[in-house]
Amino acid sequence: MTGAGDLREVIDMQAREIGDDGYGNPVVGDWATVWSAPARVQILRGSETVMAGRLTGKQTVALTMRWQPEFATVDTTWRAVNSRTGEEMNIRSIEADERKAFVNVLCEKGVAT
């Protein structure tokens, strides 16, 4: 069970800004932090898929965060950034627990964002 003392890192949830090119066409911009929250960062080990990813330079990470209403807007086009270390992680899946107390966010480090 995850407790408040386990949430030692601060994770910035970032999305791409959508701008206008001046002719009415949408243009994808830079990453912008939408909100931040404390999280537990756990590096996954052991499964065949995770081990194969490590050989190619990918690291699978599980982020455990408290449920927030902002999670309704987060999807796999977003990324998570550890604000202390600057590590960028692509979001692969988001799962809330049955009571919506915590959210498990599966991410990958070492892949293009």
PDB file of N, CA and C in Angstrom:
ATOM      1  N   MET A   1       0.837  -1.177   0.000  1.00  0.00           N
ATOM      2  CA  MET A   1       0.000   0.000   0.000  1.00  0.00           C
ATOM      3  C   MET A   1       0.887   1.248   0.000  1.00  0.00           C
ATOM      4  N   THR A   2       0.584   2.171  -0.840  1.00  0.00           N
ATOM      5  CA  THR A   2       1.348   3.408  -0.951  1.00  0.00           C
ATOM      6  C   THR A   2       0.836   4.412   0.066  1.00  0.00           C
ATOM      7  N   GLY A   3       1.760   5.020   0.791  1.00  0.00           N
ATOM      8  CA  GLY A   3       1.406   6.061   1.742  1.00  0.00           C
ATOM      9  C   GLY A   3       1.989   7.395   1.316  1.00  0.00           C
ATOM     10  N   ALA A   4       1.653   8.429   2.069  1.00  0.00           N
ATOM     11  CA  ALA A   4       2.112   9.772   1.725  1.00  0.00           C
ATOM     12  C   ALA A   4       3.637   9.879   1.758  1.00  0.00           C
ATOM     13  N   GLY A   5       4.294   9.122   2.616  1.00  0.00           N
ATOM     14  CA  GLY A   5       5.748   9.175   2.711  1.00  0.00           C
ATOM     15  C   GLY A   5       6.464   8.584   1.512  1.00  0.00           C
ATOM     16  N   ASP A   6       5.749   7.786   0.723  1.00  0.00           N
ATOM     17  CA  ASP A   6       6.349   7.178  -0.469  1.00  0.00           C
ATOM     18  C   ASP A   6       6.369   8.122  -1.666  1.00  0.00           C
ATOM     19  N   LEU A   7       5.585   9.186  -1.621  1.00  0.00           N
ATOM     20  CA  LEU A   7       5.479  10.121  -2.748  1.00  0.00           C
ATOM     21  C   LEU A   7       6.581  11.165  -2.630  1.00  0.00           C
ATOM     22  N   ARG A   8       7.800  10.775  -2.995  1.00  0.00           N
ATOM     23  CA  ARG A   8       8.987  11.604  -2.761  1.00  0.00           C
ATOM     24  C   ARG A   8       9.391  12.490  -3.928  1.00  0.00           C
ATOM     25  N   GLU A   9       8.919  12.191  -5.115  1.00  0.00           N
ATOM     26  CA  GLU A   9       9.294  12.967  -6.300  1.00  0.00           C
ATOM     27  C   GLU A   9       8.136  13.865  -6.715  1.00  0.00           C
ATOM     28  N   VAL A  10       8.451  14.966  -7.393  1.00  0.00           N
ATOM     29  CA  VAL A  10       7.419  15.830  -7.963  1.00  0.00           C
ATOM     30  C   VAL A  10       7.460  15.652  -9.474  1.00  0.00           C
ATOM     31  N   ILE A  11       6.320  15.271 -10.029  1.00  0.00           N
ATOM     32  CA  ILE A  11       6.219  14.994 -11.455  1.00  0.00           C
ATOM     33  C   ILE A  11       5.409  16.092 -12.128  1.00  0.00           C
ATOM     34  N   ASP A  12       5.969  16.650 -13.197  1.00  0.00           N
ATOM     35  CA  ASP A  12       5.258  17.638 -14.016  1.00  0.00           C
ATOM     36  C   ASP A  12       4.555  16.891 -15.141  1.00  0.00           C
ATOM     37  N   MET A  13       3.262  17.085 -15.262  1.00  0.00           N
ATOM     38  CA  MET A  13       2.494  16.505 -16.361  1.00  0.00           C
ATOM     39  C   MET A  13       2.453  17.552 -17.473  1.00  0.00           C
ATOM     40  N   GLN A  14       2.983  17.193 -18.641  1.00  0.00           N
ATOM     41  CA  GLN A  14       3.126  18.150 -19.734  1.00  0.00           C
ATOM     42  C   GLN A  14       2.361  17.710 -20.973  1.00  0.00           C
ATOM     43  N   ALA A  15       1.822  18.692 -21.681  1.00  0.00           N
ATOM     44  CA  ALA A  15       1.131  18.466 -22.953  1.00  0.00           C
ATOM     45  C   ALA A  15       1.696  19.436 -23.980  1.00  0.00           C
ATOM     46  N   ARG A  16       1.529  19.105 -25.234  1.00  0.00           N
ATOM     47  CA  ARG A  16       1.981  19.994 -26.311  1.00  0.00           C
ATOM     48  C   ARG A  16       1.023  21.169 -26.437  1.00  0.00           C
ATOM     49  N   GLU A  17       1.593  22.342 -26.643  1.00  0.00           N
ATOM     50  CA  GLU A  17       0.771  23.518 -26.916  1.00  0.00           C
ATOM     51  C   GLU A  17       0.348  23.487 -28.382  1.00  0.00           C
ATOM     52  N   ILE A  18      -0.880  23.887 -28.637  1.00  0.00           N
ATOM     53  CA  ILE A  18      -1.376  23.969 -30.006  1.00  0.00           C
ATOM     54  C   ILE A  18      -1.507  25.447 -30.351  1.00  0.00           C
ATOM     55  N   GLY A  19      -0.830  25.855 -31.391  1.00  0.00           N
ATOM     56  CA  GLY A  19      -0.849  27.255 -31.802  1.00  0.00           C
ATOM     57  C   GLY A  19      -1.471  27.413 -33.178  1.00  0.00           C
ATOM     58  N   ASP A  20      -1.334  28.606 -33.700  1.00  0.00           N
ATOM     59  CA  ASP A  20      -1.877  28.947 -35.014  1.00  0.00           C
ATOM     60  C   ASP A  20      -0.724  29.458 -35.865  1.00  0.00           C
ATOM     61  N   ASP A  21      -0.669  29.045 -37.124  1.00  0.00           N
ATOM     62  CA  ASP A  21       0.425  29.476 -37.999  1.00  0.00           C
ATOM     63  C   ASP A  21       0.155  30.815 -38.677  1.00  0.00           C
ATOM     64  N   GLY A  22      -0.946  31.467 -38.320  1.00  0.00           N
ATOM     65  CA  GLY A  22      -1.277  32.748 -38.922  1.00  0.00           C
ATOM     66  C   GLY A  22      -2.223  32.626 -40.097  1.00  0.00           C
ATOM     67  N   TYR A  23      -2.408  31.409 -40.589  1.00  0.00           N
ATOM     68  CA  TYR A  23      -3.316  31.160 -41.712  1.00  0.00           C
ATOM     69  C   TYR A  23      -4.513  30.308 -41.291  1.00  0.00           C
ATOM     70  N   GLY A  24      -4.672  30.118 -39.986  1.00  0.00           N
ATOM     71  CA  GLY A  24      -5.793  29.336 -39.473  1.00  0.00           C
ATOM     72  C   GLY A  24      -5.519  27.855 -39.329  1.00  0.00           C
ATOM     73  N   ASN A  25      -4.275  27.447 -39.540  1.00  0.00           N
ATOM     74  CA  ASN A  25      -3.923  26.031 -39.408  1.00  0.00           C
ATOM     75  C   ASN A  25      -3.331  25.771 -38.025  1.00  0.00           C
ATOM     76  N   PRO A  26      -3.732  24.669 -37.383  1.00  0.00           N
ATOM     77  CA  PRO A  26      -3.146  24.358 -36.078  1.00  0.00           C
ATOM     78  C   PRO A  26      -1.705  23.887 -36.221  1.00  0.00           C
ATOM     79  N   VAL A  27      -0.856  24.334 -35.321  1.00  0.00           N
ATOM     80  CA  VAL A  27       0.560  23.974 -35.313  1.00  0.00           C
ATOM     81  C   VAL A  27       0.909  23.461 -33.924  1.00  0.00           C
ATOM     82  N   VAL A  28       1.602  22.330 -33.876  1.00  0.00           N
ATOM     83  CA  VAL A  28       2.021  21.763 -32.599  1.00  0.00           C
ATOM     84  C   VAL A  28       3.230  22.532 -32.096  1.00  0.00           C
ATOM     85  N   GLY A  29       3.148  22.980 -30.852  1.00  0.00           N
ATOM     86  CA  GLY A  29       4.223  23.768 -30.271  1.00  0.00           C
ATOM     87  C   GLY A  29       5.075  22.978 -29.299  1.00  0.00           C
ATOM     88  N   ASP A  30       5.678  23.689 -28.368  1.00  0.00           N
ATOM     89  CA  ASP A  30       6.546  23.085 -27.361  1.00  0.00           C
ATOM     90  C   ASP A  30       5.729  22.436 -26.253  1.00  0.00           C
ATOM     91  N   TRP A  31       6.436  21.688 -25.394  1.00  0.00           N
ATOM     92  CA  TRP A  31       5.811  21.076 -24.233  1.00  0.00           C
ATOM     93  C   TRP A  31       5.571  22.140 -23.174  1.00  0.00           C
ATOM     94  N   ALA A  32       4.442  22.066 -22.499  1.00  0.00           N
ATOM     95  CA  ALA A  32       4.112  23.009 -21.433  1.00  0.00           C
ATOM     96  C   ALA A  32       3.586  22.225 -20.235  1.00  0.00           C
ATOM     97  N   THR A  33       4.038  22.584 -19.046  1.00  0.00           N
ATOM     98  CA  THR A  33       3.568  21.942 -17.826  1.00  0.00           C
ATOM     99  C   THR A  33       2.151  22.402 -17.532  1.00  0.00           C
ATOM    100  N   VAL A  34       1.234  21.438 -17.437  1.00  0.00           N
ATOM    101  CA  VAL A  34      -0.162  21.740 -17.156  1.00  0.00           C
ATOM    102  C   VAL A  34      -0.415  21.693 -15.658  1.00  0.00           C
ATOM    103  N   TRP A  35       0.155  20.705 -14.968  1.00  0.00           N
ATOM    104  CA  TRP A  35       0.055  20.611 -13.509  1.00  0.00           C
ATOM    105  C   TRP A  35       1.147  19.692 -12.984  1.00  0.00           C
ATOM    106  N   SER A  36       1.397  19.775 -11.693  1.00  0.00           N
ATOM    107  CA  SER A  36       2.433  18.982 -11.029  1.00  0.00           C
ATOM    108  C   SER A  36       1.837  18.299  -9.805  1.00  0.00           C
ATOM    109  N   ALA A  37       2.426  17.164  -9.428  1.00  0.00           N
ATOM    110  CA  ALA A  37       1.944  16.432  -8.256  1.00  0.00           C
ATOM    111  C   ALA A  37       3.058  15.541  -7.722  1.00  0.00           C
ATOM    112  N   PRO A  38       3.031  15.242  -6.416  1.00  0.00           N
ATOM    113  CA  PRO A  38       3.992  14.292  -5.856  1.00  0.00           C
ATOM    114  C   PRO A  38       3.709  12.876  -6.355  1.00  0.00           C
ATOM    115  N   ALA A  39       4.767  12.073  -6.474  1.00  0.00           N
ATOM    116  CA  ALA A  39       4.610  10.719  -6.998  1.00  0.00           C
ATOM    117  C   ALA A  39       5.679   9.794  -6.440  1.00  0.00           C
ATOM    118  N   ARG A  40       5.380   8.511  -6.507  1.00  0.00           N
ATOM    119  CA  ARG A  40       6.364   7.466  -6.218  1.00  0.00           C
ATOM    120  C   ARG A  40       6.859   6.959  -7.564  1.00  0.00           C
ATOM    121  N   VAL A  41       8.165   6.920  -7.758  1.00  0.00           N
ATOM    122  CA  VAL A  41       8.761   6.442  -9.012  1.00  0.00           C
ATOM    123  C   VAL A  41       9.352   5.064  -8.734  1.00  0.00           C
ATOM    124  N   GLN A  42       8.857   4.071  -9.464  1.00  0.00           N
ATOM    125  CA  GLN A  42       9.317   2.703  -9.277  1.00  0.00           C
ATOM    126  C   GLN A  42       9.784   2.154 -10.614  1.00  0.00           C
ATOM    127  N   ILE A  43      11.058   1.751 -10.693  1.00  0.00           N
ATOM    128  CA  ILE A  43      11.603   1.176 -11.918  1.00  0.00           C
ATOM    129  C   ILE A  43      11.189  -0.286 -11.970  1.00  0.00           C
ATOM    130  N   LEU A  44      10.574  -0.699 -13.079  1.00  0.00           N
ATOM    131  CA  LEU A  44      10.106  -2.070 -13.220  1.00  0.00           C
ATOM    132  C   LEU A  44      11.227  -2.955 -13.736  1.00  0.00           C
ATOM    133  N   ARG A  45      11.258  -4.166 -13.205  1.00  0.00           N
ATOM    134  CA  ARG A  45      12.267  -5.147 -13.598  1.00  0.00           C
ATOM    135  C   ARG A  45      11.592  -6.505 -13.754  1.00  0.00           C
ATOM    136  N   GLY A  46      12.225  -7.398 -14.470  1.00  0.00           N
ATOM    137  CA  GLY A  46      11.834  -8.787 -14.415  1.00  0.00           C
ATOM    138  C   GLY A  46      11.108  -9.366 -15.596  1.00  0.00           C
ATOM    139  N   SER A  47      10.108  -8.708 -16.156  1.00  0.00           N
ATOM    140  CA  SER A  47       9.365  -9.345 -17.248  1.00  0.00           C
ATOM    141  C   SER A  47      10.211  -9.348 -18.520  1.00  0.00           C
ATOM    142  N   GLU A  48       9.837 -10.224 -19.436  1.00  0.00           N
ATOM    143  CA  GLU A  48      10.588 -10.340 -20.679  1.00  0.00           C
ATOM    144  C   GLU A  48      10.575  -9.052 -21.496  1.00  0.00           C
ATOM    145  N   THR A  49       9.422  -8.419 -21.546  1.00  0.00           N
ATOM    146  CA  THR A  49       9.282  -7.183 -22.306  1.00  0.00           C
ATOM    147  C   THR A  49      10.143  -6.071 -21.713  1.00  0.00           C
ATOM    148  N   VAL A  50      10.144  -5.976 -20.394  1.00  0.00           N
ATOM    149  CA  VAL A  50      10.938  -4.949 -19.722  1.00  0.00           C
ATOM    150  C   VAL A  50      12.423  -5.205 -19.953  1.00  0.00           C
ATOM    151  N   MET A  51      12.847  -6.453 -19.846  1.00  0.00           N
ATOM    152  CA  MET A  51      14.263  -6.780 -20.055  1.00  0.00           C
ATOM    153  C   MET A  51      14.685  -6.514 -21.500  1.00  0.00           C
ATOM    154  N   ALA A  52      13.827  -6.825 -22.465  1.00  0.00           N
ATOM    155  CA  ALA A  52      14.150  -6.562 -23.866  1.00  0.00           C
ATOM    156  C   ALA A  52      14.240  -5.060 -24.116  1.00  0.00           C
ATOM    157  N   GLY A  53      13.373  -4.292 -23.486  1.00  0.00           N
ATOM    158  CA  GLY A  53      13.432  -2.842 -23.618  1.00  0.00           C
ATOM    159  C   GLY A  53      14.710  -2.269 -23.054  1.00  0.00           C
ATOM    160  N   ARG A  54      15.181  -2.827 -21.952  1.00  0.00           N
ATOM    161  CA  ARG A  54      16.414  -2.341 -21.346  1.00  0.00           C
ATOM    162  C   ARG A  54      17.609  -2.561 -22.264  1.00  0.00           C
ATOM    163  N   LEU A  55      17.584  -3.626 -23.045  1.00  0.00           N
ATOM    164  CA  LEU A  55      18.682  -3.886 -23.990  1.00  0.00           C
ATOM    165  C   LEU A  55      18.727  -2.843 -25.100  1.00  0.00           C
ATOM    166  N   THR A  56      17.590  -2.239 -25.416  1.00  0.00           N
ATOM    167  CA  THR A  56      17.551  -1.214 -26.460  1.00  0.00           C
ATOM    168  C   THR A  56      17.604   0.192 -25.883  1.00  0.00           C
ATOM    169  N   GLY A  57      17.825   0.316 -24.568  1.00  0.00           N
ATOM    170  CA  GLY A  57      17.963   1.636 -23.956  1.00  0.00           C
ATOM    171  C   GLY A  57      16.678   2.207 -23.396  1.00  0.00           C
ATOM    172  N   LYS A  58      15.602   1.416 -23.365  1.00  0.00           N
ATOM    173  CA  LYS A  58      14.343   1.889 -22.794  1.00  0.00           C
ATOM    174  C   LYS A  58      14.217   1.402 -21.359  1.00  0.00           C
ATOM    175  N   GLN A  59      13.670   2.219 -20.499  1.00  0.00           N
ATOM    176  CA  GLN A  59      13.452   1.842 -19.110  1.00  0.00           C
ATOM    177  C   GLN A  59      11.976   2.036 -18.785  1.00  0.00           C
ATOM    178  N   THR A  60      11.306   0.986 -18.319  1.00  0.00           N
ATOM    179  CA  THR A  60       9.895   1.070 -17.962  1.00  0.00           C
ATOM    180  C   THR A  60       9.779   1.496 -16.509  1.00  0.00           C
ATOM    181  N   VAL A  61       8.936   2.494 -16.266  1.00  0.00           N
ATOM    182  CA  VAL A  61       8.790   3.091 -14.939  1.00  0.00           C
ATOM    183  C   VAL A  61       7.308   3.155 -14.593  1.00  0.00           C
ATOM    184  N   ALA A  62       6.988   2.876 -13.326  1.00  0.00           N
ATOM    185  CA  ALA A  62       5.614   3.025 -12.841  1.00  0.00           C
ATOM    186  C   ALA A  62       5.568   4.215 -11.891  1.00  0.00           C
ATOM    187  N   LEU A  63       4.696   5.160 -12.171  1.00  0.00           N
ATOM    188  CA  LEU A  63       4.486   6.309 -11.298  1.00  0.00           C
ATOM    189  C   LEU A  63       3.196   6.081 -10.521  1.00  0.00           C
ATOM    190  N   THR A  64       3.243   6.228  -9.214  1.00  0.00           N
ATOM    191  CA  THR A  64       2.047   6.139  -8.395  1.00  0.00           C
ATOM    192  C   THR A  64       1.766   7.532  -7.862  1.00  0.00           C
ATOM    193  N   MET A  65       0.576   8.044  -8.195  1.00  0.00           N
ATOM    194  CA  MET A  65       0.194   9.403  -7.801  1.00  0.00           C
ATOM    195  C   MET A  65      -1.194   9.371  -7.177  1.00  0.00           C
ATOM    196  N   ARG A  66      -1.492  10.357  -6.346  1.00  0.00           N
ATOM    197  CA  ARG A  66      -2.847  10.471  -5.818  1.00  0.00           C
ATOM    198  C   ARG A  66      -3.802  10.868  -6.945  1.00  0.00           C
ATOM    199  N   TRP A  67      -5.039  10.345  -6.885  1.00  0.00           N
ATOM    200  CA  TRP A  67      -6.041  10.680  -7.889  1.00  0.00           C
ATOM    201  C   TRP A  67      -6.362  12.160  -7.808  1.00  0.00           C
ATOM    202  N   GLN A  68      -6.453  12.799  -8.954  1.00  0.00           N
ATOM    203  CA  GLN A  68      -6.845  14.200  -9.066  1.00  0.00           C
ATOM    204  C   GLN A  68      -7.806  14.321 -10.235  1.00  0.00           C
ATOM    205  N   PRO A  69      -8.733  15.267 -10.188  1.00  0.00           N
ATOM    206  CA  PRO A  69      -9.654  15.434 -11.318  1.00  0.00           C
ATOM    207  C   PRO A  69      -8.937  15.744 -12.632  1.00  0.00           C
ATOM    208  N   GLU A  70      -7.730  16.305 -12.558  1.00  0.00           N
ATOM    209  CA  GLU A  70      -6.981  16.631 -13.772  1.00  0.00           C
ATOM    210  C   GLU A  70      -6.621  15.398 -14.585  1.00  0.00           C
ATOM    211  N   PHE A  71      -6.633  14.202 -13.972  1.00  0.00           N
ATOM    212  CA  PHE A  71      -6.304  12.979 -14.703  1.00  0.00           C
ATOM    213  C   PHE A  71      -7.323  12.674 -15.794  1.00  0.00           C
ATOM    214  N   ALA A  72      -8.498  13.276 -15.739  1.00  0.00           N
ATOM    215  CA  ALA A  72      -9.507  13.052 -16.779  1.00  0.00           C
ATOM    216  C   ALA A  72      -9.037  13.560 -18.137  1.00  0.00           C
ATOM    217  N   THR A  73      -8.116  14.523 -18.158  1.00  0.00           N
ATOM    218  CA  THR A  73      -7.637  15.093 -19.419  1.00  0.00           C
ATOM    219  C   THR A  73      -6.339  14.452 -19.901  1.00  0.00           C
ATOM    220  N   VAL A  74      -5.646  13.711 -19.046  1.00  0.00           N
ATOM    221  CA  VAL A  74      -4.346  13.126 -19.403  1.00  0.00           C
ATOM    222  C   VAL A  74      -4.557  11.884 -20.260  1.00  0.00           C
ATOM    223  N   ASP A  75      -3.778  11.769 -21.335  1.00  0.00           N
ATOM    224  CA  ASP A  75      -3.790  10.564 -22.164  1.00  0.00           C
ATOM    225  C   ASP A  75      -2.353  10.265 -22.604  1.00  0.00           C
ATOM    226  N   THR A  76      -2.204   9.359 -23.534  1.00  0.00           N
ATOM    227  CA  THR A  76      -0.861   8.917 -23.928  1.00  0.00           C
ATOM    228  C   THR A  76      -0.126   9.909 -24.822  1.00  0.00           C
ATOM    229  N   THR A  77      -0.742  11.020 -25.189  1.00  0.00           N
ATOM    230  CA  THR A  77      -0.029  12.052 -25.942  1.00  0.00           C
ATOM    231  C   THR A  77       0.737  12.983 -25.006  1.00  0.00           C
ATOM    232  N   TRP A  78       0.501  12.875 -23.720  1.00  0.00           N
ATOM    233  CA  TRP A  78       1.193  13.684 -22.720  1.00  0.00           C
ATOM    234  C   TRP A  78       2.519  13.024 -22.356  1.00  0.00           C
ATOM    235  N   ARG A  79       3.322  13.740 -21.569  1.00  0.00           N
ATOM    236  CA  ARG A  79       4.532  13.160 -21.005  1.00  0.00           C
ATOM    237  C   ARG A  79       4.655  13.588 -19.553  1.00  0.00           C
ATOM    238  N   ALA A  80       5.451  12.827 -18.819  1.00  0.00           N
ATOM    239  CA  ALA A  80       5.720  13.131 -17.418  1.00  0.00           C
ATOM    240  C   ALA A  80       7.195  13.486 -17.294  1.00  0.00           C
ATOM    241  N   VAL A  81       7.494  14.522 -16.520  1.00  0.00           N
ATOM    242  CA  VAL A  81       8.870  14.959 -16.320  1.00  0.00           C
ATOM    243  C   VAL A  81       9.142  15.039 -14.826  1.00  0.00           C
ATOM    244  N   ASN A  82      10.202  14.374 -14.386  1.00  0.00           N
ATOM    245  CA  ASN A  82      10.610  14.468 -12.992  1.00  0.00           C
ATOM    246  C   ASN A  82      11.228  15.850 -12.805  1.00  0.00           C
ATOM    247  N   SER A  83      10.603  16.691 -12.011  1.00  0.00           N
ATOM    248  CA  SER A  83      11.064  18.082 -11.894  1.00  0.00           C
ATOM    249  C   SER A  83      12.402  18.193 -11.168  1.00  0.00           C
ATOM    250  N   ARG A  84      12.769  17.192 -10.377  1.00  0.00           N
ATOM    251  CA  ARG A  84      14.050  17.238  -9.669  1.00  0.00           C
ATOM    252  C   ARG A  84      15.208  16.834 -10.574  1.00  0.00           C
ATOM    253  N   THR A  85      15.025  15.757 -11.353  1.00  0.00           N
ATOM    254  CA  THR A  85      16.117  15.240 -12.178  1.00  0.00           C
ATOM    255  C   THR A  85      16.019  15.664 -13.642  1.00  0.00           C
ATOM    256  N   GLY A  86      14.841  16.089 -14.095  1.00  0.00           N
ATOM    257  CA  GLY A  86      14.656  16.474 -15.480  1.00  0.00           C
ATOM    258  C   GLY A  86      14.414  15.311 -16.424  1.00  0.00           C
ATOM    259  N   GLU A  87      14.252  14.082 -15.897  1.00  0.00           N
ATOM    260  CA  GLU A  87      14.021  12.914 -16.752  1.00  0.00           C
ATOM    261  C   GLU A  87      12.655  13.015 -17.421  1.00  0.00           C
ATOM    262  N   GLU A  88      12.629  12.781 -18.721  1.00  0.00           N
ATOM    263  CA  GLU A  88      11.394  12.829 -19.496  1.00  0.00           C
ATOM    264  C   GLU A  88      10.894  11.414 -19.731  1.00  0.00           C
ATOM    265  N   MET A  89       9.587  11.192 -19.528  1.00  0.00           N
ATOM    266  CA  MET A  89       8.998   9.872 -19.664  1.00  0.00           C
ATOM    267  C   MET A  89       7.731   9.957 -20.511  1.00  0.00           C
ATOM    268  N   ASN A  90       7.621   9.075 -21.489  1.00  0.00           N
ATOM    269  CA  ASN A  90       6.401   8.982 -22.291  1.00  0.00           C
ATOM    270  C   ASN A  90       5.372   8.162 -21.537  1.00  0.00           C
ATOM    271  N   ILE A  91       4.142   8.624 -21.509  1.00  0.00           N
ATOM    272  CA  ILE A  91       3.069   7.911 -20.825  1.00  0.00           C
ATOM    273  C   ILE A  91       2.542   6.821 -21.749  1.00  0.00           C
ATOM    274  N   ARG A  92       2.467   5.596 -21.254  1.00  0.00           N
ATOM    275  CA  ARG A  92       1.964   4.454 -22.023  1.00  0.00           C
ATOM    276  C   ARG A  92       0.563   4.044 -21.584  1.00  0.00           C
ATOM    277  N   SER A  93       0.246   4.114 -20.287  1.00  0.00           N
ATOM    278  CA  SER A  93      -1.104   3.786 -19.815  1.00  0.00           C
ATOM    279  C   SER A  93      -1.359   4.453 -18.471  1.00  0.00           C
ATOM    280  N   ILE A  94      -2.649   4.639 -18.169  1.00  0.00           N
ATOM    281  CA  ILE A  94      -3.074   5.275 -16.923  1.00  0.00           C
ATOM    282  C   ILE A  94      -4.176   4.407 -16.325  1.00  0.00           C
ATOM    283  N   GLU A  95      -3.983   3.955 -15.091  1.00  0.00           N
ATOM    284  CA  GLU A  95      -4.962   3.117 -14.416  1.00  0.00           C
ATOM    285  C   GLU A  95      -5.251   3.658 -13.033  1.00  0.00           C
ATOM    286  N   ALA A  96      -6.510   3.925 -12.752  1.00  0.00           N
ATOM    287  CA  ALA A  96      -6.918   4.329 -11.408  1.00  0.00           C
ATOM    288  C   ALA A  96      -7.277   3.079 -10.612  1.00  0.00           C
ATOM    289  N   ASP A  97      -7.049   3.119  -9.280  1.00  0.00           N
ATOM    290  CA  ASP A  97      -7.479   1.980  -8.477  1.00  0.00           C
ATOM    291  C   ASP A  97      -8.994   2.035  -8.276  1.00  0.00           C
ATOM    292  N   GLU A  98      -9.548   1.006  -7.668  1.00  0.00           N
ATOM    293  CA  GLU A  98     -11.000   0.886  -7.597  1.00  0.00           C
ATOM    294  C   GLU A  98     -11.673   1.970  -6.756  1.00  0.00           C
ATOM    295  N   ARG A  99     -10.958   2.567  -5.826  1.00  0.00           N
ATOM    296  CA  ARG A  99     -11.538   3.632  -5.004  1.00  0.00           C
ATOM    297  C   ARG A  99     -11.170   5.026  -5.493  1.00  0.00           C
ATOM    298  N   LYS A 100     -10.400   5.100  -6.575  1.00  0.00           N
ATOM    299  CA  LYS A 100      -9.881   6.362  -7.109  1.00  0.00           C
ATOM    300  C   LYS A 100      -9.111   7.145  -6.043  1.00  0.00           C
ATOM    301  N   ALA A 101      -8.316   6.420  -5.279  1.00  0.00           N
ATOM    302  CA  ALA A 101      -7.430   7.061  -4.307  1.00  0.00           C
ATOM    303  C   ALA A 101      -6.067   7.319  -4.948  1.00  0.00           C
ATOM    304  N   PHE A 102      -5.584   6.351  -5.720  1.00  0.00           N
ATOM    305  CA  PHE A 102      -4.297   6.466  -6.387  1.00  0.00           C
ATOM    306  C   PHE A 102      -4.433   6.118  -7.861  1.00  0.00           C
ATOM    307  N   VAL A 103      -3.465   6.583  -8.645  1.00  0.00           N
ATOM    308  CA  VAL A 103      -3.411   6.301 -10.077  1.00  0.00           C
ATOM    309  C   VAL A 103      -2.039   5.728 -10.374  1.00  0.00           C
ATOM    310  N   ASN A 104      -2.012   4.672 -11.180  1.00  0.00           N
ATOM    311  CA  ASN A 104      -0.762   4.071 -11.625  1.00  0.00           C
ATOM    312  C   ASN A 104      -0.536   4.504 -13.069  1.00  0.00           C
ATOM    313  N   VAL A 105       0.574   5.186 -13.321  1.00  0.00           N
ATOM    314  CA  VAL A 105       0.901   5.665 -14.661  1.00  0.00           C
ATOM    315  C   VAL A 105       2.127   4.898 -15.149  1.00  0.00           C
ATOM    316  N   LEU A 106       1.961   4.125 -16.202  1.00  0.00           N
ATOM    317  CA  LEU A 106       3.070   3.362 -16.772  1.00  0.00           C
ATOM    318  C   LEU A 106       3.764   4.225 -17.823  1.00  0.00           C
ATOM    319  N   CYS A 107       5.072   4.400 -17.673  1.00  0.00           N
ATOM    320  CA  CYS A 107       5.843   5.285 -18.546  1.00  0.00           C
ATOM    321  C   CYS A 107       7.082   4.573 -19.074  1.00  0.00           C
ATOM    322  N   GLU A 108       7.663   5.158 -20.124  1.00  0.00           N
ATOM    323  CA  GLU A 108       8.932   4.689 -20.668  1.00  0.00           C
ATOM    324  C   GLU A 108       9.912   5.839 -20.765  1.00  0.00           C
ATOM    325  N   LYS A 109      11.137   5.598 -20.278  1.00  0.00           N
ATOM    326  CA  LYS A 109      12.230   6.556 -20.439  1.00  0.00           C
ATOM    327  C   LYS A 109      13.119   6.051 -21.563  1.00  0.00           C
ATOM    328  N   GLY A 110      13.800   6.982 -22.222  1.00  0.00           N
ATOM    329  CA  GLY A 110      14.762   6.596 -23.244  1.00  0.00           C
ATOM    330  C   GLY A 110      14.171   6.427 -24.624  1.00  0.00           C
ATOM    331  N   VAL A 111      12.963   6.921 -24.843  1.00  0.00           N
ATOM    332  CA  VAL A 111      12.343   6.866 -26.162  1.00  0.00           C
ATOM    333  C   VAL A 111      12.062   8.291 -26.622  1.00  0.00           C
ATOM    334  N   ALA A 112      11.909   8.475 -27.907  1.00  0.00           N
ATOM    335  CA  ALA A 112      11.663   9.809 -28.448  1.00  0.00           C
ATOM    336  C   ALA A 112      10.310  10.329 -27.981  1.00  0.00           C
ATOM    337  N   THR A 113      10.263  11.632 -27.635  1.00  0.00           N
ATOM    338  CA  THR A 113       9.009  12.223 -27.191  1.00  0.00           C
ATOM    339  C   THR A 113       8.354  12.986 -28.300  1.00  0.00           C
TER     340      THR A 113
END
